[in-house]
């Protein structure tokens, strides 16, 4: 599952979420902005965004999406990994 870390240090202004594998290896690191406490009536501010980091073989992958999609993080992760699985060429096979 996805676990939220406490706000502190450099990431105190973000919501940080992580998922770990069965052997406790970090699989996903998701950093989301949260402007909800800065909203004033009529104010124009950026929308809340999540930056989702994961890896596939020797490739670091980062996808961004609106925070409202955070509940779909597993589906988004699966789709990104499927895309890279389809497009991946072993380094020794690359021309």
PDB file of N, CA and C in Angstrom:
ATOM      1  N   UNK A   1       0.802  -1.189   0.000  1.00  0.00           N
ATOM      2  CA  UNK A   1       0.000   0.000   0.000  1.00  0.00           C
ATOM      3  C   UNK A   1       0.849   1.258   0.000  1.00  0.00           C
ATOM      4  N   UNK A   2       0.194   2.357   0.021  1.00  0.00           N
ATOM      5  CA  UNK A   2       0.840   3.667   0.006  1.00  0.00           C
ATOM      6  C   UNK A   2       0.810   4.239   1.418  1.00  0.00           C
ATOM      7  N   UNK A   3       1.962   4.705   1.886  1.00  0.00           N
ATOM      8  CA  UNK A   3       2.074   5.257   3.232  1.00  0.00           C
ATOM      9  C   UNK A   3       2.476   6.721   3.154  1.00  0.00           C
ATOM     10  N   UNK A   4       1.825   7.577   3.944  1.00  0.00           N
ATOM     11  CA  UNK A   4       2.185   8.991   3.995  1.00  0.00           C
ATOM     12  C   UNK A   4       3.227   9.201   5.079  1.00  0.00           C
ATOM     13  N   UNK A   5       4.283   9.917   4.728  1.00  0.00           N
ATOM     14  CA  UNK A   5       5.342  10.227   5.688  1.00  0.00           C
ATOM     15  C   UNK A   5       5.032  11.541   6.386  1.00  0.00           C
ATOM     16  N   UNK A   6       5.533  11.726   7.595  1.00  0.00           N
ATOM     17  CA  UNK A   6       5.318  13.003   8.297  1.00  0.00           C
ATOM     18  C   UNK A   6       6.028  14.145   7.569  1.00  0.00           C
ATOM     19  N   UNK A   7       5.453  15.336   7.651  1.00  0.00           N
ATOM     20  CA  UNK A   7       6.053  16.522   7.020  1.00  0.00           C
ATOM     21  C   UNK A   7       7.216  16.996   7.875  1.00  0.00           C
ATOM     22  N   UNK A   8       8.406  17.122   7.253  1.00  0.00           N
ATOM     23  CA  UNK A   8       9.562  17.637   7.979  1.00  0.00           C
ATOM     24  C   UNK A   8      10.687  17.945   7.002  1.00  0.00           C
ATOM     25  N   UNK A   9      11.632  18.744   7.467  1.00  0.00           N
ATOM     26  CA  UNK A   9      12.824  19.059   6.686  1.00  0.00           C
ATOM     27  C   UNK A   9      12.524  19.727   5.360  1.00  0.00           C
ATOM     28  N   UNK A  10      13.269  19.338   4.341  1.00  0.00           N
ATOM     29  CA  UNK A  10      13.137  19.934   3.008  1.00  0.00           C
ATOM     30  C   UNK A  10      11.766  19.732   2.393  1.00  0.00           C
ATOM     31  N   UNK A  11      11.070  18.689   2.815  1.00  0.00           N
ATOM     32  CA  UNK A  11       9.778  18.367   2.221  1.00  0.00           C
ATOM     33  C   UNK A  11       8.605  18.785   3.100  1.00  0.00           C
ATOM     34  N   UNK A  12       8.824  19.692   4.026  1.00  0.00           N
ATOM     35  CA  UNK A  12       7.780  20.085   4.964  1.00  0.00           C
ATOM     36  C   UNK A  12       6.568  20.710   4.284  1.00  0.00           C
ATOM     37  N   UNK A  13       6.754  21.295   3.110  1.00  0.00           N
ATOM     38  CA  UNK A  13       5.629  21.934   2.427  1.00  0.00           C
ATOM     39  C   UNK A  13       4.945  20.997   1.423  1.00  0.00           C
ATOM     40  N   UNK A  14       5.322  19.721   1.421  1.00  0.00           N
ATOM     41  CA  UNK A  14       4.732  18.736   0.507  1.00  0.00           C
ATOM     42  C   UNK A  14       4.118  17.590   1.300  1.00  0.00           C
ATOM     43  N   UNK A  15       3.229  16.877   0.647  1.00  0.00           N
ATOM     44  CA  UNK A  15       2.753  15.604   1.174  1.00  0.00           C
ATOM     45  C   UNK A  15       3.573  14.534   0.470  1.00  0.00           C
ATOM     46  N   UNK A  16       4.228  13.668   1.254  1.00  0.00           N
ATOM     47  CA  UNK A  16       5.106  12.635   0.710  1.00  0.00           C
ATOM     48  C   UNK A  16       4.480  11.270   0.982  1.00  0.00           C
ATOM     49  N   UNK A  17       4.441  10.453  -0.068  1.00  0.00           N
ATOM     50  CA  UNK A  17       3.906   9.108   0.030  1.00  0.00           C
ATOM     51  C   UNK A  17       4.935   8.134  -0.520  1.00  0.00           C
ATOM     52  N   UNK A  18       5.008   6.956   0.072  1.00  0.00           N
ATOM     53  CA  UNK A  18       5.919   5.920  -0.409  1.00  0.00           C
ATOM     54  C   UNK A  18       5.205   4.575  -0.395  1.00  0.00           C
ATOM     55  N   UNK A  19       5.695   3.693  -1.271  1.00  0.00           N
ATOM     56  CA  UNK A  19       5.285   2.292  -1.196  1.00  0.00           C
ATOM     57  C   UNK A  19       6.551   1.461  -1.195  1.00  0.00           C
ATOM     58  N   UNK A  20       6.494   0.334  -0.519  1.00  0.00           N
ATOM     59  CA  UNK A  20       7.654  -0.549  -0.425  1.00  0.00           C
ATOM     60  C   UNK A  20       7.267  -1.949  -0.878  1.00  0.00           C
ATOM     61  N   UNK A  21       8.267  -2.684  -1.340  1.00  0.00           N
ATOM     62  CA  UNK A  21       8.052  -4.058  -1.782  1.00  0.00           C
ATOM     63  C   UNK A  21       7.950  -4.990  -0.575  1.00  0.00           C
ATOM     64  N   UNK A  22       7.720  -6.260  -0.835  1.00  0.00           N
ATOM     65  CA  UNK A  22       7.633  -7.253   0.239  1.00  0.00           C
ATOM     66  C   UNK A  22       8.933  -7.362   1.027  1.00  0.00           C
ATOM     67  N   UNK A  23      10.079  -7.052   0.382  1.00  0.00           N
ATOM     68  CA  UNK A  23      11.362  -7.109   1.090  1.00  0.00           C
ATOM     69  C   UNK A  23      11.799  -5.726   1.575  1.00  0.00           C
ATOM     70  N   UNK A  24      10.818  -4.810   1.725  1.00  0.00           N
ATOM     71  CA  UNK A  24      11.018  -3.457   2.262  1.00  0.00           C
ATOM     72  C   UNK A  24      11.885  -2.550   1.401  1.00  0.00           C
ATOM     73  N   UNK A  25      11.984  -2.823   0.107  1.00  0.00           N
ATOM     74  CA  UNK A  25      12.685  -1.925  -0.813  1.00  0.00           C
ATOM     75  C   UNK A  25      11.706  -0.847  -1.287  1.00  0.00           C
ATOM     76  N   UNK A  26      12.187   0.381  -1.380  1.00  0.00           N
ATOM     77  CA  UNK A  26      11.346   1.480  -1.852  1.00  0.00           C
ATOM     78  C   UNK A  26      10.954   1.248  -3.307  1.00  0.00           C
ATOM     79  N   UNK A  27       9.662   1.280  -3.602  1.00  0.00           N
ATOM     80  CA  UNK A  27       9.186   1.102  -4.977  1.00  0.00           C
ATOM     81  C   UNK A  27       8.682   2.402  -5.577  1.00  0.00           C
ATOM     82  N   UNK A  28       7.980   3.193  -4.779  1.00  0.00           N
ATOM     83  CA  UNK A  28       7.396   4.436  -5.274  1.00  0.00           C
ATOM     84  C   UNK A  28       7.670   5.554  -4.278  1.00  0.00           C
ATOM     85  N   UNK A  29       7.956   6.731  -4.819  1.00  0.00           N
ATOM     86  CA  UNK A  29       8.119   7.947  -4.029  1.00  0.00           C
ATOM     87  C   UNK A  29       7.242   8.987  -4.708  1.00  0.00           C
ATOM     88  N   UNK A  30       6.236   9.474  -4.003  1.00  0.00           N
ATOM     89  CA  UNK A  30       5.288  10.428  -4.584  1.00  0.00           C
ATOM     90  C   UNK A  30       5.297  11.688  -3.730  1.00  0.00           C
ATOM     91  N   UNK A  31       5.570  12.813  -4.383  1.00  0.00           N
ATOM     92  CA  UNK A  31       5.604  14.121  -3.710  1.00  0.00           C
ATOM     93  C   UNK A  31       4.482  14.965  -4.295  1.00  0.00           C
ATOM     94  N   UNK A  32       3.560  15.380  -3.445  1.00  0.00           N
ATOM     95  CA  UNK A  32       2.397  16.151  -3.909  1.00  0.00           C
ATOM     96  C   UNK A  32       2.377  17.537  -3.279  1.00  0.00           C
ATOM     97  N   UNK A  33       2.011  18.516  -4.080  1.00  0.00           N
ATOM     98  CA  UNK A  33       1.792  19.852  -3.540  1.00  0.00           C
ATOM     99  C   UNK A  33       0.403  19.877  -2.908  1.00  0.00           C
ATOM    100  N   UNK A  34       0.241  20.780  -1.972  1.00  0.00           N
ATOM    101  CA  UNK A  34      -1.048  20.945  -1.312  1.00  0.00           C
ATOM    102  C   UNK A  34      -1.261  22.426  -1.053  1.00  0.00           C
ATOM    103  N   UNK A  35      -2.048  23.043  -1.924  1.00  0.00           N
ATOM    104  CA  UNK A  35      -2.310  24.470  -1.796  1.00  0.00           C
ATOM    105  C   UNK A  35      -3.615  24.749  -1.054  1.00  0.00           C
ATOM    106  N   UNK A  36      -4.229  23.707  -0.502  1.00  0.00           N
ATOM    107  CA  UNK A  36      -5.551  23.893   0.108  1.00  0.00           C
ATOM    108  C   UNK A  36      -5.541  24.909   1.248  1.00  0.00           C
ATOM    109  N   UNK A  37      -4.431  24.998   1.977  1.00  0.00           N
ATOM    110  CA  UNK A  37      -4.392  25.945   3.090  1.00  0.00           C
ATOM    111  C   UNK A  37      -4.059  27.360   2.640  1.00  0.00           C
ATOM    112  N   UNK A  38      -3.752  27.543   1.350  1.00  0.00           N
ATOM    113  CA  UNK A  38      -3.392  28.868   0.841  1.00  0.00           C
ATOM    114  C   UNK A  38      -4.463  29.461  -0.072  1.00  0.00           C
ATOM    115  N   UNK A  39      -5.586  28.780  -0.159  1.00  0.00           N
ATOM    116  CA  UNK A  39      -6.634  29.245  -1.060  1.00  0.00           C
ATOM    117  C   UNK A  39      -7.459  30.349  -0.406  1.00  0.00           C
ATOM    118  N   UNK A  40      -7.651  31.395  -1.164  1.00  0.00           N
ATOM    119  CA  UNK A  40      -8.549  32.465  -0.738  1.00  0.00           C
ATOM    120  C   UNK A  40      -9.615  32.587  -1.807  1.00  0.00           C
ATOM    121  N   UNK A  41     -10.802  33.011  -1.434  1.00  0.00           N
ATOM    122  CA  UNK A  41     -11.864  33.146  -2.437  1.00  0.00           C
ATOM    123  C   UNK A  41     -11.395  34.001  -3.615  1.00  0.00           C
ATOM    124  N   UNK A  42     -11.531  33.454  -4.808  1.00  0.00           N
ATOM    125  CA  UNK A  42     -11.175  34.185  -6.023  1.00  0.00           C
ATOM    126  C   UNK A  42      -9.702  34.169  -6.376  1.00  0.00           C
ATOM    127  N   UNK A  43      -8.871  33.566  -5.555  1.00  0.00           N
ATOM    128  CA  UNK A  43      -7.424  33.544  -5.819  1.00  0.00           C
ATOM    129  C   UNK A  43      -7.115  32.563  -6.940  1.00  0.00           C
ATOM    130  N   UNK A  44      -6.147  32.939  -7.779  1.00  0.00           N
ATOM    131  CA  UNK A  44      -5.683  32.056  -8.839  1.00  0.00           C
ATOM    132  C   UNK A  44      -4.345  31.480  -8.389  1.00  0.00           C
ATOM    133  N   UNK A  45      -4.327  30.169  -8.172  1.00  0.00           N
ATOM    134  CA  UNK A  45      -3.093  29.504  -7.761  1.00  0.00           C
ATOM    135  C   UNK A  45      -2.935  28.238  -8.594  1.00  0.00           C
ATOM    136  N   UNK A  46      -1.735  27.698  -8.651  1.00  0.00           N
ATOM    137  CA  UNK A  46      -1.537  26.463  -9.417  1.00  0.00           C
ATOM    138  C   UNK A  46      -2.358  25.319  -8.833  1.00  0.00           C
ATOM    139  N   UNK A  47      -2.698  24.368  -9.708  1.00  0.00           N
ATOM    140  CA  UNK A  47      -3.408  23.199  -9.190  1.00  0.00           C
ATOM    141  C   UNK A  47      -2.425  22.286  -8.457  1.00  0.00           C
ATOM    142  N   UNK A  48      -2.949  21.470  -7.583  1.00  0.00           N
ATOM    143  CA  UNK A  48      -2.126  20.545  -6.811  1.00  0.00           C
ATOM    144  C   UNK A  48      -1.645  19.426  -7.723  1.00  0.00           C
ATOM    145  N   UNK A  49      -0.343  19.179  -7.710  1.00  0.00           N
ATOM    146  CA  UNK A  49       0.286  18.206  -8.600  1.00  0.00           C
ATOM    147  C   UNK A  49       1.047  17.165  -7.800  1.00  0.00           C
ATOM    148  N   UNK A  50       1.062  15.943  -8.320  1.00  0.00           N
ATOM    149  CA  UNK A  50       1.872  14.884  -7.734  1.00  0.00           C
ATOM    150  C   UNK A  50       2.972  14.509  -8.717  1.00  0.00           C
ATOM    151  N   UNK A  51       4.172  14.338  -8.192  1.00  0.00           N
ATOM    152  CA  UNK A  51       5.342  13.891  -8.959  1.00  0.00           C
ATOM    153  C   UNK A  51       5.666  12.493  -8.438  1.00  0.00           C
ATOM    154  N   UNK A  52       5.475  11.515  -9.295  1.00  0.00           N
ATOM    155  CA  UNK A  52       5.567  10.100  -8.918  1.00  0.00           C
ATOM    156  C   UNK A  52       6.851   9.526  -9.512  1.00  0.00           C
ATOM    157  N   UNK A  53       7.745   9.053  -8.657  1.00  0.00           N
ATOM    158  CA  UNK A  53       9.031   8.507  -9.078  1.00  0.00           C
ATOM    159  C   UNK A  53       9.055   7.003  -8.814  1.00  0.00           C
ATOM    160  N   UNK A  54       9.554   6.255  -9.798  1.00  0.00           N
ATOM    161  CA  UNK A  54       9.679   4.803  -9.699  1.00  0.00           C
ATOM    162  C   UNK A  54      10.826   4.372 -10.598  1.00  0.00           C
ATOM    163  N   UNK A  55      11.168   3.119 -10.579  1.00  0.00           N
ATOM    164  CA  UNK A  55      12.224   2.663 -11.484  1.00  0.00           C
ATOM    165  C   UNK A  55      11.782   1.407 -12.211  1.00  0.00           C
ATOM    166  N   UNK A  56      12.367   1.229 -13.390  1.00  0.00           N
ATOM    167  CA  UNK A  56      12.139   0.046 -14.220  1.00  0.00           C
ATOM    168  C   UNK A  56      13.493  -0.377 -14.761  1.00  0.00           C
ATOM    169  N   UNK A  57      13.938  -1.535 -14.346  1.00  0.00           N
ATOM    170  CA  UNK A  57      15.266  -2.028 -14.706  1.00  0.00           C
ATOM    171  C   UNK A  57      16.294  -0.957 -14.343  1.00  0.00           C
ATOM    172  N   UNK A  58      16.990  -0.384 -15.311  1.00  0.00           N
ATOM    173  CA  UNK A  58      17.999   0.639 -15.016  1.00  0.00           C
ATOM    174  C   UNK A  58      17.523   2.041 -15.378  1.00  0.00           C
ATOM    175  N   UNK A  59      16.213   2.215 -15.479  1.00  0.00           N
ATOM    176  CA  UNK A  59      15.626   3.500 -15.894  1.00  0.00           C
ATOM    177  C   UNK A  59      14.839   4.090 -14.727  1.00  0.00           C
ATOM    178  N   UNK A  60      15.116   5.355 -14.401  1.00  0.00           N
ATOM    179  CA  UNK A  60      14.315   6.078 -13.417  1.00  0.00           C
ATOM    180  C   UNK A  60      13.173   6.750 -14.154  1.00  0.00           C
ATOM    181  N   UNK A  61      11.978   6.536 -13.679  1.00  0.00           N
ATOM    182  CA  UNK A  61      10.769   7.045 -14.327  1.00  0.00           C
ATOM    183  C   UNK A  61      10.114   8.063 -13.411  1.00  0.00           C
ATOM    184  N   UNK A  62       9.652   9.153 -13.990  1.00  0.00           N
ATOM    185  CA  UNK A  62       8.907  10.161 -13.251  1.00  0.00           C
ATOM    186  C   UNK A  62       7.669  10.519 -14.053  1.00  0.00           C
ATOM    187  N   UNK A  63       6.510  10.412 -13.430  1.00  0.00           N
ATOM    188  CA  UNK A  63       5.273  10.840 -14.074  1.00  0.00           C
ATOM    189  C   UNK A  63       4.611  11.879 -13.173  1.00  0.00           C
ATOM    190  N   UNK A  64       3.919  12.797 -13.768  1.00  0.00           N
ATOM    191  CA  UNK A  64       3.235  13.868 -13.040  1.00  0.00           C
ATOM    192  C   UNK A  64       1.745  13.785 -13.339  1.00  0.00           C
ATOM    193  N   UNK A  65       0.952  14.072 -12.326  1.00  0.00           N
ATOM    194  CA  UNK A  65      -0.484  14.088 -12.531  1.00  0.00           C
ATOM    195  C   UNK A  65      -1.145  14.966 -11.476  1.00  0.00           C
ATOM    196  N   UNK A  66      -2.368  15.365 -11.772  1.00  0.00           N
ATOM    197  CA  UNK A  66      -3.138  16.179 -10.837  1.00  0.00           C
ATOM    198  C   UNK A  66      -3.380  15.361  -9.572  1.00  0.00           C
ATOM    199  N   UNK A  67      -3.319  16.015  -8.459  1.00  0.00           N
ATOM    200  CA  UNK A  67      -3.465  15.329  -7.172  1.00  0.00           C
ATOM    201  C   UNK A  67      -4.768  14.544  -7.068  1.00  0.00           C
ATOM    202  N   UNK A  68      -5.785  14.963  -7.766  1.00  0.00           N
ATOM    203  CA  UNK A  68      -7.068  14.243  -7.706  1.00  0.00           C
ATOM    204  C   UNK A  68      -6.935  12.808  -8.221  1.00  0.00           C
ATOM    205  N   UNK A  69      -5.837  12.496  -8.938  1.00  0.00           N
ATOM    206  CA  UNK A  69      -5.605  11.139  -9.428  1.00  0.00           C
ATOM    207  C   UNK A  69      -4.760  10.298  -8.461  1.00  0.00           C
ATOM    208  N   UNK A  70      -4.383  10.844  -7.326  1.00  0.00           N
ATOM    209  CA  UNK A  70      -3.528  10.119  -6.391  1.00  0.00           C
ATOM    210  C   UNK A  70      -4.134   8.774  -5.993  1.00  0.00           C
ATOM    211  N   UNK A  71      -5.434   8.718  -5.849  1.00  0.00           N
ATOM    212  CA  UNK A  71      -6.071   7.454  -5.458  1.00  0.00           C
ATOM    213  C   UNK A  71      -5.891   6.372  -6.528  1.00  0.00           C
ATOM    214  N   UNK A  72      -5.528   6.766  -7.757  1.00  0.00           N
ATOM    215  CA  UNK A  72      -5.285   5.826  -8.860  1.00  0.00           C
ATOM    216  C   UNK A  72      -3.799   5.559  -9.075  1.00  0.00           C
ATOM    217  N   UNK A  73      -2.976   5.797  -8.065  1.00  0.00           N
ATOM    218  CA  UNK A  73      -1.534   5.695  -8.237  1.00  0.00           C
ATOM    219  C   UNK A  73      -1.092   4.313  -8.721  1.00  0.00           C
ATOM    220  N   UNK A  74      -1.736   3.252  -8.262  1.00  0.00           N
ATOM    221  CA  UNK A  74      -1.347   1.903  -8.691  1.00  0.00           C
ATOM    222  C   UNK A  74      -1.614   1.698 -10.175  1.00  0.00           C
ATOM    223  N   UNK A  75      -2.761   2.167 -10.650  1.00  0.00           N
ATOM    224  CA  UNK A  75      -3.110   2.032 -12.072  1.00  0.00           C
ATOM    225  C   UNK A  75      -2.153   2.856 -12.925  1.00  0.00           C
ATOM    226  N   UNK A  76      -1.833   4.077 -12.482  1.00  0.00           N
ATOM    227  CA  UNK A  76      -0.902   4.932 -13.215  1.00  0.00           C
ATOM    228  C   UNK A  76       0.490   4.302 -13.245  1.00  0.00           C
ATOM    229  N   UNK A  77       0.908   3.737 -12.132  1.00  0.00           N
ATOM    230  CA  UNK A  77       2.206   3.047 -12.056  1.00  0.00           C
ATOM    231  C   UNK A  77       2.237   1.873 -13.024  1.00  0.00           C
ATOM    232  N   UNK A  78       1.188   1.051 -12.992  1.00  0.00           N
ATOM    233  CA  UNK A  78       1.107  -0.126 -13.851  1.00  0.00           C
ATOM    234  C   UNK A  78       1.162   0.277 -15.328  1.00  0.00           C
ATOM    235  N   UNK A  79       0.427   1.314 -15.705  1.00  0.00           N
ATOM    236  CA  UNK A  79       0.420   1.768 -17.099  1.00  0.00           C
ATOM    237  C   UNK A  79       1.790   2.268 -17.531  1.00  0.00           C
ATOM    238  N   UNK A  80       2.465   3.023 -16.680  1.00  0.00           N
ATOM    239  CA  UNK A  80       3.800   3.530 -17.014  1.00  0.00           C
ATOM    240  C   UNK A  80       4.785   2.380 -17.173  1.00  0.00           C
ATOM    241  N   UNK A  81       4.752   1.421 -16.254  1.00  0.00           N
ATOM    242  CA  UNK A  81       5.671   0.286 -16.339  1.00  0.00           C
ATOM    243  C   UNK A  81       5.382  -0.588 -17.554  1.00  0.00           C
ATOM    244  N   UNK A  82       4.110  -0.762 -17.913  1.00  0.00           N
ATOM    245  CA  UNK A  82       3.761  -1.521 -19.112  1.00  0.00           C
ATOM    246  C   UNK A  82       4.300  -0.839 -20.367  1.00  0.00           C
ATOM    247  N   UNK A  83       4.214   0.486 -20.405  1.00  0.00           N
ATOM    248  CA  UNK A  83       4.754   1.226 -21.547  1.00  0.00           C
ATOM    249  C   UNK A  83       6.253   0.993 -21.666  1.00  0.00           C
ATOM    250  N   UNK A  84       6.979   1.111 -20.569  1.00  0.00           N
ATOM    251  CA  UNK A  84       8.426   0.919 -20.617  1.00  0.00           C
ATOM    252  C   UNK A  84       8.803  -0.525 -20.903  1.00  0.00           C
ATOM    253  N   UNK A  85       8.024  -1.467 -20.418  1.00  0.00           N
ATOM    254  CA  UNK A  85       8.272  -2.883 -20.713  1.00  0.00           C
ATOM    255  C   UNK A  85       8.167  -3.125 -22.220  1.00  0.00           C
ATOM    256  N   UNK A  86       7.175  -2.524 -22.847  1.00  0.00           N
ATOM    257  CA  UNK A  86       6.959  -2.672 -24.275  1.00  0.00           C
ATOM    258  C   UNK A  86       8.079  -2.029 -25.091  1.00  0.00           C
ATOM    259  N   UNK A  87       8.563  -0.887 -24.644  1.00  0.00           N
ATOM    260  CA  UNK A  87       9.547  -0.106 -25.407  1.00  0.00           C
ATOM    261  C   UNK A  87      11.000  -0.431 -25.044  1.00  0.00           C
ATOM    262  N   UNK A  88      11.215  -1.182 -23.990  1.00  0.00           N
ATOM    263  CA  UNK A  88      12.570  -1.403 -23.473  1.00  0.00           C
ATOM    264  C   UNK A  88      13.390  -2.297 -24.403  1.00  0.00           C
ATOM    265  N   UNK A  89      14.634  -1.902 -24.622  1.00  0.00           N
ATOM    266  CA  UNK A  89      15.609  -2.687 -25.375  1.00  0.00           C
ATOM    267  C   UNK A  89      16.814  -2.854 -24.465  1.00  0.00           C
ATOM    268  N   UNK A  90      17.272  -4.100 -24.306  1.00  0.00           N
ATOM    269  CA  UNK A  90      18.461  -4.350 -23.491  1.00  0.00           C
ATOM    270  C   UNK A  90      19.629  -3.546 -24.058  1.00  0.00           C
ATOM    271  N   UNK A  91      20.471  -2.973 -23.192  1.00  0.00           N
ATOM    272  CA  UNK A  91      21.585  -2.152 -23.678  1.00  0.00           C
ATOM    273  C   UNK A  91      22.461  -2.853 -24.709  1.00  0.00           C
ATOM    274  N   UNK A  92      22.697  -4.145 -24.579  1.00  0.00           N
ATOM    275  CA  UNK A  92      23.531  -4.863 -25.536  1.00  0.00           C
ATOM    276  C   UNK A  92      22.851  -5.008 -26.887  1.00  0.00           C
ATOM    277  N   UNK A  93      21.528  -4.816 -26.953  1.00  0.00           N
ATOM    278  CA  UNK A  93      20.782  -4.932 -28.209  1.00  0.00           C
ATOM    279  C   UNK A  93      20.569  -3.574 -28.875  1.00  0.00           C
ATOM    280  N   UNK A  94      20.859  -2.505 -28.168  1.00  0.00           N
ATOM    281  CA  UNK A  94      20.648  -1.166 -28.728  1.00  0.00           C
ATOM    282  C   UNK A  94      21.658  -0.928 -29.836  1.00  0.00           C
ATOM    283  N   UNK A  95      21.209  -0.241 -30.876  1.00  0.00           N
ATOM    284  CA  UNK A  95      22.135   0.037 -31.982  1.00  0.00           C
ATOM    285  C   UNK A  95      22.742   1.412 -31.877  1.00  0.00           C
TER     286      UNK A  95
END
